[in-house]
Amino acid sequence: MLGPLSSNLRSLSEVQESAQLLTGTDLPNTVLASLFGKLTTSSALVINATPYDGCLESTLLTWHQFNEMKVDFLSISRNVTTLEYVEKKIAFSLLQDFWFLFLSNKKL
């Protein structure tokens, strides 16, 4: 069992966090394309045990738009703050997509 400091533990090192922030969704896109390119199934499930900034989740939200494979995902963490951040980032991403679709279909 983890002690009271468990909420202060980081899932990634400073180098890993910096790399993830600098690459954005490019790295997840490249890795997923490499992994899923070898599969013959039409769907997959990705479980992210180290969510940090929501890049993988954001990438997977739009994956079906550019690929035929349906991908579901689940992010898990002991750090509630991290999960709340990822959840808010996903919600914001979905809201942006909704407004883009709404405005692109609206006749001016």
C-alpha atoms as a PDB file:
ATOM      1  CA  MET A   1       0.000   0.000   0.000  1.00  0.00           C
ATOM      2  CA  LEU A   2       1.263   3.464  -0.837  1.00  0.00           C
ATOM      3  CA  GLY A   3       1.742   6.015   1.902  1.00  0.00           C
ATOM      4  CA  PRO A   4       0.380   9.573   2.155  1.00  0.00           C
ATOM      5  CA  LEU A   5       2.938  10.863  -0.362  1.00  0.00           C
ATOM      6  CA  SER A   6       1.523   8.727  -3.153  1.00  0.00           C
ATOM      7  CA  SER A   7      -0.466  11.642  -4.572  1.00  0.00           C
ATOM      8  CA  ASN A   8       2.802  13.548  -5.065  1.00  0.00           C
ATOM      9  CA  LEU A   9       4.498  10.792  -7.080  1.00  0.00           C
ATOM     10  CA  ARG A  10       4.988  11.516 -10.758  1.00  0.00           C
ATOM     11  CA  SER A  11       4.331   8.904 -13.384  1.00  0.00           C
ATOM     12  CA  LEU A  12       7.095  10.170 -15.687  1.00  0.00           C
ATOM     13  CA  SER A  13      10.594  11.558 -15.220  1.00  0.00           C
ATOM     14  CA  GLU A  14      11.344  15.171 -16.133  1.00  0.00           C
ATOM     15  CA  VAL A  15      12.938  14.036 -19.393  1.00  0.00           C
ATOM     16  CA  GLN A  16       9.896  11.930 -20.291  1.00  0.00           C
ATOM     17  CA  GLU A  17       7.506  14.757 -19.413  1.00  0.00           C
ATOM     18  CA  SER A  18       9.493  17.226 -21.518  1.00  0.00           C
ATOM     19  CA  ALA A  19       9.550  14.851 -24.487  1.00  0.00           C
ATOM     20  CA  GLN A  20       5.822  14.242 -24.241  1.00  0.00           C
ATOM     21  CA  LEU A  21       5.038  17.958 -24.058  1.00  0.00           C
ATOM     22  CA  LEU A  22       7.336  18.798 -26.985  1.00  0.00           C
ATOM     23  CA  THR A  23       6.061  16.095 -29.345  1.00  0.00           C
ATOM     24  CA  GLY A  24       2.356  16.598 -28.688  1.00  0.00           C
ATOM     25  CA  THR A  25       0.301  14.104 -30.681  1.00  0.00           C
ATOM     26  CA  ASP A  26       3.021  13.342 -33.256  1.00  0.00           C
ATOM     27  CA  LEU A  27       4.638  10.649 -31.126  1.00  0.00           C
ATOM     28  CA  PRO A  28       1.394   8.818 -30.243  1.00  0.00           C
ATOM     29  CA  ASN A  29       0.309   8.968 -33.908  1.00  0.00           C
ATOM     30  CA  THR A  30       3.584   7.430 -35.086  1.00  0.00           C
ATOM     31  CA  VAL A  31       3.615   4.703 -32.440  1.00  0.00           C
ATOM     32  CA  LEU A  32      -0.045   3.801 -32.986  1.00  0.00           C
ATOM     33  CA  ALA A  33       0.377   3.680 -36.760  1.00  0.00           C
ATOM     34  CA  SER A  34       3.319   1.348 -36.309  1.00  0.00           C
ATOM     35  CA  LEU A  35       1.481  -0.926 -33.877  1.00  0.00           C
ATOM     36  CA  PHE A  36      -1.912  -0.978 -35.543  1.00  0.00           C
ATOM     37  CA  GLY A  37      -0.467  -1.310 -39.037  1.00  0.00           C
ATOM     38  CA  LYS A  38       0.406  -4.925 -38.234  1.00  0.00           C
ATOM     39  CA  LEU A  39      -3.029  -5.883 -36.887  1.00  0.00           C
ATOM     40  CA  THR A  40      -5.681  -7.579 -38.971  1.00  0.00           C
ATOM     41  CA  THR A  41      -8.570  -6.779 -36.641  1.00  0.00           C
ATOM     42  CA  SER A  42     -11.017  -3.893 -37.059  1.00  0.00           C
ATOM     43  CA  SER A  43     -10.969  -2.786 -33.422  1.00  0.00           C
ATOM     44  CA  ALA A  44      -8.580  -2.474 -30.500  1.00  0.00           C
ATOM     45  CA  LEU A  45      -8.441  -1.411 -26.861  1.00  0.00           C
ATOM     46  CA  VAL A  46      -5.623   0.758 -25.515  1.00  0.00           C
ATOM     47  CA  ILE A  47      -5.060   0.928 -21.757  1.00  0.00           C
ATOM     48  CA  ASN A  48      -2.885   3.836 -20.679  1.00  0.00           C
ATOM     49  CA  ALA A  49      -1.452   3.230 -17.195  1.00  0.00           C
ATOM     50  CA  THR A  50       0.651   6.412 -17.221  1.00  0.00           C
ATOM     51  CA  PRO A  51      -1.559   9.282 -18.351  1.00  0.00           C
ATOM     52  CA  TYR A  52       0.123  12.633 -18.065  1.00  0.00           C
ATOM     53  CA  ASP A  53      -1.109  15.312 -20.426  1.00  0.00           C
ATOM     54  CA  GLY A  54      -3.834  13.606 -22.444  1.00  0.00           C
ATOM     55  CA  CYS A  55      -1.898  13.442 -25.747  1.00  0.00           C
ATOM     56  CA  LEU A  56      -2.526   9.727 -26.237  1.00  0.00           C
ATOM     57  CA  GLU A  57      -6.192  10.156 -25.376  1.00  0.00           C
ATOM     58  CA  SER A  58      -6.569  13.122 -27.756  1.00  0.00           C
ATOM     59  CA  THR A  59      -4.897  11.142 -30.514  1.00  0.00           C
ATOM     60  CA  LEU A  60      -7.190   8.174 -29.989  1.00  0.00           C
ATOM     61  CA  LEU A  61     -10.286  10.409 -30.063  1.00  0.00           C
ATOM     62  CA  THR A  62      -9.496  11.401 -33.642  1.00  0.00           C
ATOM     63  CA  TRP A  63      -7.922   8.104 -34.743  1.00  0.00           C
ATOM     64  CA  HIS A  64     -11.099   6.819 -36.404  1.00  0.00           C
ATOM     65  CA  GLN A  65     -11.298   9.903 -38.629  1.00  0.00           C
ATOM     66  CA  PHE A  66      -8.091   8.964 -40.447  1.00  0.00           C
ATOM     67  CA  ASN A  67      -8.004   5.184 -40.028  1.00  0.00           C
ATOM     68  CA  GLU A  68     -10.482   2.356 -40.482  1.00  0.00           C
ATOM     69  CA  MET A  69      -9.755   0.789 -37.110  1.00  0.00           C
ATOM     70  CA  LYS A  70     -12.052   1.530 -34.173  1.00  0.00           C
ATOM     71  CA  VAL A  71     -10.003   2.123 -31.024  1.00  0.00           C
ATOM     72  CA  ASP A  72     -11.404   2.362 -27.501  1.00  0.00           C
ATOM     73  CA  PHE A  73      -9.212   3.539 -24.663  1.00  0.00           C
ATOM     74  CA  LEU A  74      -9.014   3.560 -20.900  1.00  0.00           C
ATOM     75  CA  SER A  75      -6.668   5.678 -18.792  1.00  0.00           C
ATOM     76  CA  ILE A  76      -5.943   4.649 -15.229  1.00  0.00           C
ATOM     77  CA  SER A  77      -3.863   6.300 -12.521  1.00  0.00           C
ATOM     78  CA  ARG A  78      -3.609   6.510  -8.763  1.00  0.00           C
ATOM     79  CA  ASN A  79      -3.285  10.268  -9.092  1.00  0.00           C
ATOM     80  CA  VAL A  80      -6.776  11.777  -9.232  1.00  0.00           C
ATOM     81  CA  THR A  81      -5.453  15.190 -10.297  1.00  0.00           C
ATOM     82  CA  THR A  82      -3.840  13.682 -13.394  1.00  0.00           C
ATOM     83  CA  LEU A  83      -7.030  11.866 -14.366  1.00  0.00           C
ATOM     84  CA  GLU A  84      -9.105  15.013 -13.852  1.00  0.00           C
ATOM     85  CA  TYR A  85      -6.722  16.948 -16.116  1.00  0.00           C
ATOM     86  CA  VAL A  86      -6.896  14.274 -18.824  1.00  0.00           C
ATOM     87  CA  GLU A  87     -10.694  14.176 -18.525  1.00  0.00           C
ATOM     88  CA  LYS A  88     -10.914  17.969 -18.920  1.00  0.00           C
ATOM     89  CA  LYS A  89      -8.575  17.882 -21.915  1.00  0.00           C
ATOM     90  CA  ILE A  90     -10.716  15.208 -23.588  1.00  0.00           C
ATOM     91  CA  ALA A  91     -13.896  17.190 -22.851  1.00  0.00           C
ATOM     92  CA  PHE A  92     -12.317  20.334 -24.311  1.00  0.00           C
ATOM     93  CA  SER A  93     -11.205  18.426 -27.387  1.00  0.00           C
ATOM     94  CA  LEU A  94     -14.711  17.042 -27.918  1.00  0.00           C
ATOM     95  CA  LEU A  95     -16.209  20.502 -27.451  1.00  0.00           C
ATOM     96  CA  GLN A  96     -13.824  21.937 -30.045  1.00  0.00           C
ATOM     97  CA  ASP A  97     -14.804  19.193 -32.505  1.00  0.00           C
ATOM     98  CA  PHE A  98     -18.491  19.851 -31.872  1.00  0.00           C
ATOM     99  CA  TRP A  99     -18.145  23.590 -32.463  1.00  0.00           C
ATOM    100  CA  PHE A 100     -16.084  23.025 -35.600  1.00  0.00           C
ATOM    101  CA  LEU A 101     -18.774  20.719 -37.007  1.00  0.00           C
ATOM    102  CA  PHE A 102     -21.564  23.049 -35.894  1.00  0.00           C
ATOM    103  CA  LEU A 103     -19.972  26.130 -37.426  1.00  0.00           C
ATOM    104  CA  SER A 104     -18.935  24.378 -40.624  1.00  0.00           C
ATOM    105  CA  ASN A 105     -22.534  23.246 -41.201  1.00  0.00           C
ATOM    106  CA  LYS A 106     -24.031  26.630 -40.338  1.00  0.00           C
ATOM    107  CA  LYS A 107     -24.875  28.806 -43.311  1.00  0.00           C
ATOM    108  CA  LEU A 108     -23.571  32.313 -42.919  1.00  0.00           C
END
